[in-house]
Amino acid sequence: MAVEDFTPGLNFIRTIIEADIKAGKNGGRVHTRFPPEPNGYLHIGHAKSICLNFGLAAEYKGFCNLRFDDTNPGKEDVEYVDSIMADVRWLGFDWQDRLYYASDYFEQLYEFALHLIRSGQAYVCDLTAEQVRQYRGTLTECGINSPCRDRSAEENLDLFQRMRAGEFPDGSYVLRAKIDMASPNLNMRDPVLYRIRRESHHRTGDAWCIYPMYDYTHPISDALEGVTHSICTLEFEDHRPFYDWVLDNLPVPCHPQQIEFARLNLSYTVMSKRKLLELVDKALVHGWDDPRLPTIAALRRRGFTPEAIRNFAELIGVAKRESVVDMALLEHCLREDLNKRAKRVMAVLRPLKVVITNYPEGQVEELDAENNPEDPAAGTRRLPFSRELYIEQEDFREDPPKKFFRLSLGKEIRLKHAYYIRCDEVVKDNNGRITELRCSYDPESRGGWTKDGRKVLGTSHWVSAAQALDVEVRLYDKLLSVANPAGENEEKDFKEYLNPASLEIVKNCKVEPSLAAAKPGDRFQFLRQGYFCVDSDSSPQALVFNRSVTLRDSWAKIEKSQQSK
């Protein structure tokens, strides 16, 4: 798969819908749905689908349902239901009174199955799961009819009703559609409709010991809810004939149109619920909301905004071709949004002490600092400035390379919002490690201006030592070390590509005192460091910040280089 060529707003589904409206199909109605299975947390790919389904409904003044396709109780949990509803709300969408569960329809689904049996279109089969696979055939060889295929409707009804009554052990019988074992589409070779499974359901408890299959449940649920356009990802394209077969052979109120689009594949991460669950279960990450993951909960915890994700979903558009989207585009969308809304603050991640020898001892002055140059309404704040400060270790070099514009012995830099300082002396410990810089400042250079008009090329951020807060900072990087593991070696376990440097925890960082009031979820730009968010692990006594994204905008550079060609 290649990196996608993006056309913002490109959406072939809109073309289909507009043609349907023009033709008067469905009475001009547009009714979509977002139908997650509650077997894991949603990820950025689901966010694309959420934005698409709810967005189309809003655009055409229609409706969008939230429906949980909860037909597999062994893998489902109320935790997942709650997290999905929270994610949809956080993204800014409202299903109003249209919250549904496939389990709402279990009785109707059972009655429809009886209808298929009576009409000779379904039968009870006692082949084992392995035998069903063997009889199914291959892409080049037709399947073989089950010995049970010609049972009478009366016998099938009796067996199916006894299946529901719990007379048979798990796996002993299934109900199958009677379609065509010679069909070139394997999904039409008598697919399973029901199986016996004694597992407690998160909503229906132990009321049922037979559960309908997803492919059977989904089209019926759509029809019962009055859905007009059933939008799903491309892997369901081969399932569409069965979707239509179910609706064509049952007395349902309408026949929705299934439309498939390419799922989102994002570089440097995994987008499979199975793989995400494996990472969580094996404690290779710290839960479903670990900020290294592409789950919506993780992105929220990392500091992403719903606006950035919605913009990303619109920007990548909807396509029929599988592709890999560059992670840089998602990060670009976040930078664009946070640049306008995030308050600028001073934070020193790896502090180096600076003593300004000619600044009065005990004196503290307050300097004005703008909160956001992109938003004049954000106002200003007061920064304490004193004799002892902290700057970044990397902002000083004892033996500076060429074009190093930060601080070095005998050189001068500007402190952001403050004064010019010059390094006069370097203090080291017994191991030769630099522990302190002794500097002098120019009292006439406040705000970066000097009477003699001299200028310096370097500007450093800083915090006043006495007022600084100690915080923990978590520097997150890409989950995987390669952009597309499948493109490297499809047989290699994806976990072998986990990035060992995906998380660096930096303790005893120094931040300006205005952050004392920061709350979990608050977002800031640490000057020259990137955008950061207060983590949910934080407390007023122990603040923890997650790096959301660096200031380097790779995608903007990619776009600029493409435009220049």
Protein backbone atom coordinates (compact mmCIF):
# COMPACT_ATOMS: atom_id res chain seq x y z
CA MET A 1 0.00 0.00 0.00
CA ALA A 2 1.22 3.47 -0.87
CA VAL A 3 0.82 6.72 1.05
CA GLU A 4 -2.52 8.21 0.01
CA ASP A 5 -2.80 11.29 -2.20
CA PHE A 6 -5.14 13.52 -0.23
CA THR A 7 -7.96 15.61 -1.66
CA PRO A 8 -9.77 17.35 1.22
CA GLY A 9 -13.49 16.72 1.12
CA LEU A 10 -13.24 13.98 -1.51
CA ASN A 11 -16.13 11.63 -0.79
CA PHE A 12 -17.63 9.31 -3.42
CA ILE A 13 -20.32 8.37 -0.91
CA ARG A 14 -21.71 11.90 -1.11
CA THR A 15 -22.12 11.38 -4.85
CA ILE A 16 -24.16 8.22 -4.26
CA ILE A 17 -26.35 9.87 -1.64
CA GLU A 18 -27.00 12.95 -3.76
CA ALA A 19 -28.00 10.75 -6.70
CA ASP A 20 -30.40 8.83 -4.42
CA ILE A 21 -31.94 12.05 -3.16
CA LYS A 22 -32.34 13.35 -6.70
CA ALA A 23 -34.04 10.10 -7.76
CA GLY A 24 -36.39 10.22 -4.77
CA LYS A 25 -35.05 6.97 -3.36
CA ASN A 26 -36.03 6.35 0.30
CA GLY A 27 -38.33 9.35 0.00
CA GLY A 28 -35.24 11.56 -0.03
CA ARG A 29 -34.29 10.37 3.47
CA VAL A 30 -30.70 9.91 4.63
CA HIS A 31 -30.35 7.66 7.66
CA THR A 32 -26.96 6.21 8.63
CA ARG A 33 -25.61 4.35 11.63
CA PHE A 34 -22.36 3.74 13.46
CA PRO A 35 -22.41 0.06 14.54
CA PRO A 36 -19.40 -0.87 16.69
CA GLU A 37 -18.95 -4.26 18.29
CA PRO A 38 -18.35 -3.74 22.03
CA ASN A 39 -15.25 -5.96 22.10
CA GLY A 40 -12.55 -3.32 22.51
CA TYR A 41 -11.84 0.39 22.56
CA LEU A 42 -12.36 2.46 19.42
CA HIS A 43 -9.33 3.74 17.50
CA ILE A 44 -8.63 6.49 15.00
CA GLY A 45 -10.01 4.33 12.17
CA HIS A 46 -13.34 4.17 13.97
CA ALA A 47 -13.14 7.93 14.44
CA LYS A 48 -13.05 8.28 10.65
CA SER A 49 -16.21 6.15 10.41
CA ILE A 50 -17.92 8.08 13.21
CA CYS A 51 -17.18 11.40 11.49
CA LEU A 52 -18.34 10.01 8.16
CA ASN A 53 -21.64 8.53 9.34
CA PHE A 54 -22.66 11.32 11.72
CA GLY A 55 -21.29 13.94 9.35
CA LEU A 56 -23.29 12.71 6.35
CA ALA A 57 -26.46 12.55 8.42
CA ALA A 58 -25.96 16.15 9.55
CA GLU A 59 -25.02 17.34 6.06
CA TYR A 60 -28.22 15.94 4.52
CA LYS A 61 -30.45 16.76 7.51
CA GLY A 62 -30.93 13.12 8.31
CA PHE A 63 -30.30 10.85 11.28
CA CYS A 64 -27.47 8.65 12.52
CA ASN A 65 -27.96 5.83 15.01
CA LEU A 66 -25.47 4.46 17.48
CA ARG A 67 -25.94 0.70 17.57
CA PHE A 68 -23.90 -1.89 19.38
CA ASP A 69 -23.66 -5.11 17.35
CA ASP A 70 -23.39 -7.24 20.47
CA THR A 71 -23.76 -10.79 19.15
CA ASN A 72 -20.53 -12.27 20.53
CA PRO A 73 -20.90 -12.25 24.34
CA GLY A 74 -17.61 -13.98 25.08
CA LYS A 75 -15.62 -10.98 23.86
CA GLU A 76 -17.94 -8.14 24.88
CA ASP A 77 -18.04 -6.06 28.02
CA VAL A 78 -19.94 -3.10 29.50
CA GLU A 79 -16.57 -1.35 29.84
CA TYR A 80 -16.32 -1.25 26.07
CA VAL A 81 -19.90 0.00 25.69
CA ASP A 82 -19.24 2.87 28.10
CA SER A 83 -15.94 3.78 26.45
CA ILE A 84 -17.50 3.82 22.98
CA MET A 85 -20.32 6.13 24.04
CA ALA A 86 -17.80 8.43 25.74
CA ASP A 87 -15.65 8.51 22.60
CA VAL A 88 -18.55 9.37 20.28
CA ARG A 89 -19.69 12.16 22.60
CA TRP A 90 -16.14 13.49 22.95
CA LEU A 91 -15.79 13.70 19.19
CA GLY A 92 -18.80 16.00 19.23
CA PHE A 93 -21.61 13.78 17.98
CA ASP A 94 -25.03 13.07 19.47
CA TRP A 95 -27.24 10.08 18.68
CA GLN A 96 -30.08 11.68 20.67
CA ASP A 97 -32.70 8.98 21.32
CA ARG A 98 -31.31 6.59 18.70
CA LEU A 99 -29.23 4.26 20.87
CA TYR A 100 -29.76 0.64 19.88
CA TYR A 101 -28.30 -2.80 20.54
CA ALA A 102 -28.47 -5.81 18.26
CA SER A 103 -29.52 -7.68 21.40
CA ASP A 104 -32.69 -5.57 21.32
CA TYR A 105 -33.66 -7.64 18.29
CA PHE A 106 -32.78 -11.15 19.50
CA GLU A 107 -36.43 -12.25 19.56
CA GLN A 108 -37.13 -10.75 16.12
CA LEU A 109 -33.94 -12.29 14.72
CA TYR A 110 -35.08 -15.67 16.05
CA GLU A 111 -38.51 -15.25 14.41
CA PHE A 112 -36.87 -14.30 11.11
CA ALA A 113 -34.74 -17.45 11.35
CA LEU A 114 -37.92 -19.50 11.76
CA HIS A 115 -39.28 -17.77 8.65
CA LEU A 116 -36.21 -18.84 6.64
CA ILE A 117 -36.55 -22.42 7.90
CA ARG A 118 -40.25 -22.57 6.98
CA SER A 119 -39.51 -21.22 3.50
CA GLY A 120 -36.79 -23.82 2.97
CA GLN A 121 -33.96 -21.30 3.03
CA ALA A 122 -32.25 -22.40 6.23
CA TYR A 123 -31.41 -25.72 7.84
CA VAL A 124 -29.88 -27.10 11.01
CA CYS A 125 -26.47 -28.71 10.44
CA ASP A 126 -24.55 -31.03 12.74
CA LEU A 127 -21.20 -30.91 10.96
CA THR A 128 -18.30 -29.91 13.19
CA ALA A 129 -16.67 -26.54 12.67
CA GLU A 130 -13.75 -28.25 10.97
CA GLN A 131 -16.08 -30.20 8.68
CA VAL A 132 -17.95 -27.02 7.76
CA ARG A 133 -14.63 -25.50 6.69
CA GLN A 134 -13.70 -28.59 4.67
CA TYR A 135 -17.08 -28.80 2.95
CA ARG A 136 -16.95 -25.11 2.12
CA GLY A 137 -14.38 -25.59 -0.65
CA THR A 138 -11.78 -23.11 -1.85
CA LEU A 139 -11.53 -20.13 -4.15
CA THR A 140 -10.97 -22.51 -7.06
CA GLU A 141 -13.06 -25.51 -5.95
CA CYS A 142 -16.80 -25.64 -5.28
CA GLY A 143 -18.10 -26.57 -1.87
CA ILE A 144 -19.88 -29.81 -0.96
CA ASN A 145 -23.44 -29.93 0.29
CA SER A 146 -23.87 -30.84 3.94
CA PRO A 147 -25.59 -34.20 4.52
CA CYS A 148 -28.08 -32.17 6.60
CA ARG A 149 -29.00 -29.82 3.76
CA ASP A 150 -32.12 -31.75 2.70
CA ARG A 151 -33.72 -32.09 6.09
CA SER A 152 -37.41 -31.24 6.07
CA ALA A 153 -38.62 -27.88 7.29
CA GLU A 154 -40.46 -29.62 10.14
CA GLU A 155 -37.32 -31.40 11.34
CA ASN A 156 -35.27 -28.18 11.08
CA LEU A 157 -37.89 -26.25 13.05
CA ASP A 158 -37.89 -28.88 15.77
CA LEU A 159 -34.09 -28.95 16.03
CA PHE A 160 -33.76 -25.16 16.00
CA GLN A 161 -36.39 -24.73 18.71
CA ARG A 162 -34.61 -27.38 20.79
CA MET A 163 -31.33 -25.53 20.20
CA ARG A 164 -32.90 -22.47 21.77
CA ALA A 165 -34.30 -24.56 24.62
CA GLY A 166 -30.77 -25.64 25.53
CA GLU A 167 -31.13 -29.35 24.78
CA PHE A 168 -27.83 -29.63 22.90
CA PRO A 169 -24.21 -28.97 23.90
CA ASP A 170 -22.20 -26.08 22.52
CA GLY A 171 -20.94 -26.67 18.99
CA SER A 172 -23.21 -29.63 18.29
CA TYR A 173 -25.51 -27.82 15.87
CA VAL A 174 -25.63 -24.61 13.83
CA LEU A 175 -28.31 -23.03 11.70
CA ARG A 176 -27.14 -22.34 8.14
CA ALA A 177 -28.63 -20.43 5.24
CA LYS A 178 -29.37 -22.60 2.19
CA ILE A 179 -27.95 -20.63 -0.73
CA ASP A 180 -25.38 -22.11 -3.13
CA MET A 181 -22.37 -24.28 -2.28
CA ALA A 182 -21.04 -23.70 -5.82
CA SER A 183 -21.11 -19.90 -5.55
CA PRO A 184 -17.81 -18.20 -6.52
CA ASN A 185 -18.32 -16.07 -3.39
CA LEU A 186 -17.40 -18.16 -0.35
CA ASN A 187 -19.67 -16.00 1.81
CA MET A 188 -22.67 -17.39 -0.10
CA ARG A 189 -21.81 -21.06 0.50
CA ASP A 190 -24.46 -21.75 3.13
CA PRO A 191 -23.13 -19.38 5.81
CA VAL A 192 -23.86 -20.00 9.47
CA LEU A 193 -26.73 -17.95 10.91
CA TYR A 194 -26.83 -19.21 14.53
CA ARG A 195 -24.56 -21.18 16.83
CA ILE A 196 -25.00 -22.66 20.31
CA ARG A 197 -22.94 -20.80 22.87
CA ARG A 198 -23.59 -20.87 26.60
CA GLU A 199 -22.11 -17.53 27.57
CA SER A 200 -23.70 -14.82 29.64
CA HIS A 201 -24.52 -11.69 27.67
CA HIS A 202 -23.82 -8.26 29.15
CA ARG A 203 -27.44 -7.20 28.53
CA THR A 204 -29.57 -10.34 28.24
CA GLY A 205 -27.76 -12.40 30.84
CA ASP A 206 -28.42 -16.13 30.42
CA ALA A 207 -31.71 -15.73 28.57
CA TRP A 208 -30.18 -17.12 25.38
CA CYS A 209 -27.90 -20.05 24.66
CA ILE A 210 -27.96 -19.50 20.87
CA TYR A 211 -26.58 -16.34 19.34
CA PRO A 212 -26.97 -14.96 15.79
CA MET A 213 -23.93 -14.37 13.60
CA TYR A 214 -22.86 -10.81 12.80
CA ASP A 215 -23.46 -11.11 9.04
CA TYR A 216 -27.03 -12.24 9.65
CA THR A 217 -27.77 -9.72 12.39
CA HIS A 218 -26.34 -6.62 10.78
CA PRO A 219 -28.60 -6.22 7.71
CA ILE A 220 -31.74 -6.99 9.73
CA SER A 221 -30.77 -4.43 12.39
CA ASP A 222 -30.21 -1.83 9.67
CA ALA A 223 -33.61 -2.56 8.13
CA LEU A 224 -35.50 -2.49 11.45
CA GLU A 225 -33.98 0.90 12.22
CA GLY A 226 -34.89 2.42 8.86
CA VAL A 227 -31.29 2.89 7.75
CA THR A 228 -30.96 4.03 4.13
CA HIS A 229 -27.19 3.88 3.62
CA SER A 230 -25.23 1.19 5.46
CA ILE A 231 -21.66 2.44 5.23
CA CYS A 232 -18.90 0.00 6.15
CA THR A 233 -15.26 -0.70 5.42
CA LEU A 234 -13.92 -2.45 2.34
CA GLU A 235 -13.44 -5.88 3.91
CA PHE A 236 -17.25 -6.25 3.89
CA GLU A 237 -17.51 -5.82 0.11
CA ASP A 238 -17.54 -9.60 -0.43
CA HIS A 239 -20.22 -9.88 2.27
CA ARG A 240 -22.60 -7.52 0.46
CA PRO A 241 -24.30 -10.29 -1.60
CA PHE A 242 -25.24 -12.05 1.65
CA TYR A 243 -26.37 -8.71 3.17
CA ASP A 244 -28.74 -8.32 0.21
CA TRP A 245 -29.81 -12.00 0.29
CA VAL A 246 -30.92 -11.72 3.91
CA LEU A 247 -33.00 -8.62 3.22
CA ASP A 248 -34.44 -10.00 -0.03
CA ASN A 249 -35.70 -13.14 1.70
CA LEU A 250 -37.22 -11.68 4.86
CA PRO A 251 -40.28 -9.45 5.43
CA VAL A 252 -38.24 -6.47 6.63
CA PRO A 253 -39.57 -2.89 6.40
CA CYS A 254 -36.86 -1.59 4.06
CA HIS A 255 -33.74 -2.58 2.17
CA PRO A 256 -30.72 -0.39 3.05
CA GLN A 257 -27.89 0.02 0.55
CA GLN A 258 -24.49 -1.20 1.71
CA ILE A 259 -21.59 1.02 0.58
CA GLU A 260 -17.96 0.17 1.29
CA PHE A 261 -14.97 2.47 1.70
CA ALA A 262 -11.30 1.82 2.42
CA ARG A 263 -10.42 1.54 6.07
CA LEU A 264 -7.85 3.85 7.60
CA ASN A 265 -4.32 2.50 7.88
CA LEU A 266 -1.96 4.75 9.80
CA SER A 267 1.82 4.54 9.68
CA TYR A 268 3.92 3.55 12.71
CA THR A 269 1.03 1.99 14.62
CA VAL A 270 -1.43 -0.93 14.61
CA MET A 271 -5.11 -0.61 13.73
CA SER A 272 -6.31 -4.11 14.56
CA LYS A 273 -8.45 -4.62 17.67
CA ARG A 274 -6.93 -8.06 18.03
CA LYS A 275 -3.40 -6.67 18.04
CA LEU A 276 -4.34 -3.81 20.34
CA LEU A 277 -5.93 -6.26 22.75
CA GLU A 278 -2.77 -8.37 22.64
CA LEU A 279 -0.65 -5.36 23.57
CA VAL A 280 -2.98 -4.56 26.47
CA ASP A 281 -3.34 -8.13 27.74
CA LYS A 282 0.42 -8.76 27.62
CA ALA A 283 1.09 -5.46 29.45
CA LEU A 284 3.27 -4.22 26.59
CA VAL A 285 1.41 -0.93 27.01
CA HIS A 286 -0.31 0.56 30.04
CA GLY A 287 -3.94 -0.09 29.16
CA TRP A 288 -6.29 0.89 26.33
CA ASP A 289 -5.65 4.60 26.94
CA ASP A 290 -1.85 4.36 26.82
CA PRO A 291 -0.93 7.52 24.83
CA ARG A 292 1.20 5.46 22.46
CA LEU A 293 -1.86 3.68 21.08
CA PRO A 294 -4.15 4.93 18.29
CA THR A 295 -7.30 4.44 20.40
CA ILE A 296 -9.51 7.49 20.79
CA ALA A 297 -9.12 7.21 24.57
CA ALA A 298 -5.32 7.21 24.17
CA LEU A 299 -5.36 10.15 21.78
CA ARG A 300 -7.58 12.08 24.18
CA ARG A 301 -5.23 11.33 27.08
CA ARG A 302 -2.26 12.34 24.95
CA GLY A 303 -3.82 15.75 24.36
CA PHE A 304 -5.50 15.45 20.97
CA THR A 305 -8.58 17.59 20.45
CA PRO A 306 -11.83 16.42 18.82
CA GLU A 307 -11.47 19.30 16.36
CA ALA A 308 -8.08 18.02 15.20
CA ILE A 309 -9.42 14.50 14.67
CA ARG A 310 -12.51 15.71 12.82
CA ASN A 311 -10.32 17.86 10.59
CA PHE A 312 -8.04 14.89 9.94
CA ALA A 313 -11.01 12.73 8.97
CA GLU A 314 -12.23 15.36 6.50
CA LEU A 315 -8.76 15.99 5.12
CA ILE A 316 -8.01 12.37 4.24
CA GLY A 317 -11.37 11.95 2.53
CA VAL A 318 -12.99 8.64 1.63
CA ALA A 319 -11.56 6.29 -0.97
CA LYS A 320 -12.06 2.83 -2.44
CA ARG A 321 -8.33 2.05 -2.49
CA GLU A 322 -6.40 0.76 0.51
CA SER A 323 -3.54 3.06 1.51
CA VAL A 324 -1.36 4.03 4.45
CA VAL A 325 -1.83 7.53 5.82
CA ASP A 326 1.29 9.21 7.15
CA MET A 327 1.18 9.76 10.92
CA ALA A 328 2.68 13.19 10.16
CA LEU A 329 -0.67 14.33 8.77
CA LEU A 330 -2.50 13.50 12.00
CA GLU A 331 0.18 15.33 13.97
CA HIS A 332 -0.05 18.27 11.57
CA CYS A 333 -3.80 18.55 12.23
CA LEU A 334 -3.15 18.62 15.98
CA ARG A 335 -0.47 21.31 15.67
CA GLU A 336 -2.75 23.44 13.52
CA ASP A 337 -5.47 23.27 16.17
CA LEU A 338 -3.32 23.65 19.28
CA ASN A 339 -1.35 26.49 17.75
CA LYS A 340 -4.53 28.56 17.92
CA ARG A 341 -5.74 27.48 21.36
CA ALA A 342 -2.82 26.35 23.55
CA LYS A 343 -1.37 28.72 26.12
CA ARG A 344 2.40 29.21 25.85
CA VAL A 345 4.37 28.45 29.01
CA MET A 346 7.97 27.98 30.12
CA ALA A 347 9.15 24.47 30.94
CA VAL A 348 12.70 23.18 31.34
CA LEU A 349 12.85 19.42 30.94
CA ARG A 350 16.53 18.86 31.75
CA PRO A 351 17.48 21.78 33.98
CA LEU A 352 20.87 23.46 34.19
CA LYS A 353 21.20 26.05 36.96
CA VAL A 354 22.14 29.61 36.05
CA VAL A 355 23.21 32.16 38.66
CA ILE A 356 23.12 35.78 37.53
CA THR A 357 25.91 37.21 39.64
CA ASN A 358 25.09 40.89 39.11
CA TYR A 359 21.37 40.51 39.83
CA PRO A 360 20.38 41.60 43.39
CA GLU A 361 20.05 38.73 45.86
CA GLY A 362 16.51 38.22 47.12
CA GLN A 363 14.97 40.36 44.39
CA VAL A 364 12.11 39.00 42.32
CA GLU A 365 10.55 40.99 39.52
CA GLU A 366 7.57 40.10 37.42
CA LEU A 367 7.74 40.21 33.66
CA ASP A 368 4.88 40.29 31.17
CA ALA A 369 4.53 37.30 28.87
CA GLU A 370 1.93 36.80 26.16
CA ASN A 371 -0.21 33.68 26.50
CA ASN A 372 -0.68 33.03 22.81
CA PRO A 373 0.59 35.22 19.97
CA GLU A 374 -2.02 33.60 17.68
CA ASP A 375 -4.85 34.73 19.96
CA PRO A 376 -4.70 38.35 21.18
CA ALA A 377 -7.73 37.70 23.39
CA ALA A 378 -5.67 35.20 25.40
CA GLY A 379 -3.99 38.11 27.20
CA THR A 380 -0.77 38.00 29.21
CA ARG A 381 0.54 36.54 32.43
CA ARG A 382 3.24 37.51 34.92
CA LEU A 383 6.51 35.55 35.09
CA PRO A 384 8.80 35.74 38.14
CA PHE A 385 12.45 36.52 37.35
CA SER A 386 15.21 36.18 39.94
CA ARG A 387 18.95 35.72 40.46
CA GLU A 388 18.80 31.93 40.09
CA LEU A 389 17.22 30.35 37.02
CA TYR A 390 17.07 27.10 35.11
CA ILE A 391 17.70 26.71 31.39
CA GLU A 392 17.87 23.57 29.25
CA GLN A 393 21.13 21.62 29.42
CA GLU A 394 21.19 21.49 25.63
CA ASP A 395 21.14 25.30 25.47
CA PHE A 396 24.76 25.42 26.68
CA ARG A 397 27.90 24.06 25.07
CA GLU A 398 31.31 24.46 26.58
CA ASP A 399 32.86 23.73 23.20
CA PRO A 400 30.12 24.86 20.81
CA PRO A 401 29.98 23.60 17.23
CA LYS A 402 29.79 25.99 14.32
CA LYS A 403 26.45 27.84 14.07
CA PHE A 404 25.54 27.03 17.66
CA PHE A 405 23.49 30.06 18.65
CA ARG A 406 22.77 29.20 22.26
CA LEU A 407 24.85 29.92 25.32
CA SER A 408 28.58 29.25 25.59
CA LEU A 409 31.43 30.66 27.64
CA GLY A 410 31.84 34.36 26.86
CA LYS A 411 28.78 34.41 24.58
CA GLU A 412 25.48 36.21 25.04
CA ILE A 413 21.88 35.07 24.52
CA ARG A 414 18.44 36.48 25.12
CA LEU A 415 16.14 34.98 27.75
CA LYS A 416 12.60 34.90 26.41
CA HIS A 417 10.49 37.82 27.77
CA ALA A 418 13.46 38.87 29.94
CA TYR A 419 17.08 40.04 29.53
CA TYR A 420 20.33 39.38 27.71
CA ILE A 421 22.75 37.25 29.73
CA ARG A 422 26.41 36.35 29.13
CA CYS A 423 28.12 33.25 30.47
CA ASP A 424 31.19 34.21 32.51
CA GLU A 425 32.07 30.99 34.34
CA VAL A 426 31.33 27.26 34.24
CA VAL A 427 31.09 25.33 37.52
CA LYS A 428 31.71 21.56 37.52
CA ASP A 429 31.58 18.79 40.10
CA ASN A 430 34.41 16.37 40.91
CA ASN A 431 33.42 14.20 37.93
CA GLY A 432 33.72 17.07 35.51
CA ARG A 433 29.95 17.37 35.06
CA ILE A 434 28.64 20.89 34.58
CA THR A 435 26.44 21.80 37.54
CA GLU A 436 26.07 25.55 37.26
CA LEU A 437 26.67 28.52 34.99
CA ARG A 438 27.63 31.89 36.40
CA CYS A 439 26.36 34.65 34.17
CA SER A 440 25.84 38.39 34.13
CA TYR A 441 22.87 40.24 32.73
CA ASP A 442 22.33 43.56 31.01
CA PRO A 443 19.75 45.50 33.08
CA GLU A 444 19.02 47.69 30.05
CA SER A 445 17.99 44.76 27.84
CA ARG A 446 14.61 43.99 29.37
CA GLY A 447 12.21 42.75 26.74
CA GLY A 448 15.07 42.09 24.32
CA TRP A 449 15.95 45.71 23.58
CA THR A 450 19.31 47.41 24.24
CA LYS A 451 20.41 51.02 24.10
CA ASP A 452 23.25 50.23 21.72
CA GLY A 453 20.94 48.27 19.40
CA ARG A 454 22.94 45.07 19.54
CA LYS A 455 21.17 41.80 18.80
CA VAL A 456 21.86 38.18 19.57
CA LEU A 457 20.83 35.19 17.49
CA GLY A 458 19.95 32.83 20.31
CA THR A 459 16.89 32.88 22.58
CA SER A 460 16.36 30.43 25.44
CA HIS A 461 13.39 29.64 27.61
CA TRP A 462 13.89 29.52 31.37
CA VAL A 463 12.17 29.36 34.75
CA SER A 464 12.95 31.08 38.01
CA ALA A 465 14.45 28.51 40.38
CA ALA A 466 12.71 29.60 43.59
CA GLN A 467 9.22 29.61 42.09
CA ALA A 468 9.59 26.64 39.73
CA LEU A 469 7.36 23.58 40.09
CA ASP A 470 8.80 20.08 39.90
CA VAL A 471 6.83 17.92 37.48
CA GLU A 472 7.11 14.66 35.58
CA VAL A 473 7.09 14.75 31.78
CA ARG A 474 6.38 11.75 29.57
CA LEU A 475 7.83 11.99 26.09
CA TYR A 476 5.87 9.76 23.73
CA ASP A 477 7.07 8.70 20.32
CA LYS A 478 5.78 6.35 17.63
CA LEU A 479 4.52 2.94 18.77
CA LEU A 480 6.37 1.07 16.01
CA SER A 481 9.87 1.56 14.65
CA VAL A 482 8.78 1.06 11.02
CA ALA A 483 6.01 2.80 9.08
CA ASN A 484 4.32 -0.32 7.73
CA PRO A 485 5.26 -3.69 9.30
CA ALA A 486 3.31 -5.60 6.65
CA GLY A 487 5.45 -3.96 4.01
CA GLU A 488 8.60 -5.08 5.81
CA ASN A 489 7.81 -8.75 6.38
CA GLU A 490 4.24 -10.03 6.54
CA GLU A 491 5.31 -13.19 8.39
CA LYS A 492 7.14 -11.34 11.15
CA ASP A 493 5.29 -10.75 14.42
CA PHE A 494 4.31 -7.09 14.64
CA LYS A 495 5.53 -6.96 18.25
CA GLU A 496 9.09 -7.31 16.98
CA TYR A 497 8.69 -3.81 15.53
CA LEU A 498 7.69 -2.17 18.82
CA ASN A 499 9.71 1.00 19.28
CA PRO A 500 11.85 0.67 22.45
CA ALA A 501 12.06 4.47 22.62
CA SER A 502 8.30 5.02 22.41
CA LEU A 503 8.22 6.38 25.97
CA GLU A 504 10.78 8.34 27.94
CA ILE A 505 9.87 9.48 31.45
CA VAL A 506 11.70 12.60 32.60
CA LYS A 507 11.40 13.47 36.28
CA ASN A 508 12.18 16.67 38.17
CA CYS A 509 11.43 18.92 35.24
CA LYS A 510 10.95 22.59 36.09
CA VAL A 511 7.90 24.58 34.97
CA GLU A 512 6.71 28.11 35.62
CA PRO A 513 4.43 28.60 38.67
CA SER A 514 1.33 29.49 36.62
CA LEU A 515 0.94 25.76 35.93
CA ALA A 516 0.13 25.06 39.58
CA ALA A 517 -3.57 25.41 38.68
CA ALA A 518 -3.38 23.08 35.66
CA LYS A 519 -5.96 20.28 35.57
CA PRO A 520 -5.99 16.93 33.76
CA GLY A 521 -6.79 17.52 30.11
CA ASP A 522 -5.39 21.06 30.01
CA ARG A 523 -3.15 21.65 27.01
CA PHE A 524 -0.11 23.90 26.69
CA GLN A 525 2.72 24.69 24.36
CA PHE A 526 6.02 24.35 26.18
CA LEU A 527 8.10 26.95 24.38
CA ARG A 528 10.56 25.29 21.97
CA GLN A 529 9.57 21.84 23.28
CA GLY A 530 6.18 20.96 21.81
CA TYR A 531 2.58 20.64 22.89
CA PHE A 532 1.81 18.96 26.20
CA CYS A 533 -1.28 17.84 28.09
CA VAL A 534 -1.83 17.30 31.81
CA ASP A 535 -2.18 13.54 32.31
CA SER A 536 -5.02 11.87 34.19
CA ASP A 537 -2.43 10.47 36.61
CA SER A 538 -1.81 13.99 37.88
CA SER A 539 -2.71 15.46 41.24
CA PRO A 540 -2.27 19.06 42.45
CA GLN A 541 0.80 17.87 44.37
CA ALA A 542 2.30 15.84 41.51
CA LEU A 543 1.69 17.13 38.01
CA VAL A 544 2.38 14.84 35.07
CA PHE A 545 2.53 16.11 31.49
CA ASN A 546 2.28 14.06 28.31
CA ARG A 547 3.89 15.31 25.14
CA SER A 548 1.11 15.44 22.57
CA VAL A 549 3.28 16.34 19.60
CA THR A 550 6.57 18.07 18.88
CA LEU A 551 6.80 21.50 17.25
CA ARG A 552 8.41 20.03 14.14
CA ASP A 553 5.76 19.94 11.44
CA SER A 554 6.87 17.23 9.05
CA TRP A 555 3.62 17.18 7.12
CA ALA A 556 3.78 20.89 6.36
CA LYS A 557 7.26 20.32 4.92
CA ILE A 558 5.99 17.40 2.84
CA GLU A 559 3.12 19.49 1.48
CA LYS A 560 5.43 22.38 0.67
CA SER A 561 7.89 20.13 -1.16
CA GLN A 562 5.06 18.52 -3.14
CA GLN A 563 3.67 21.92 -4.14
CA SER A 564 7.08 23.07 -5.37
CA LYS A 565 7.41 20.16 -7.79
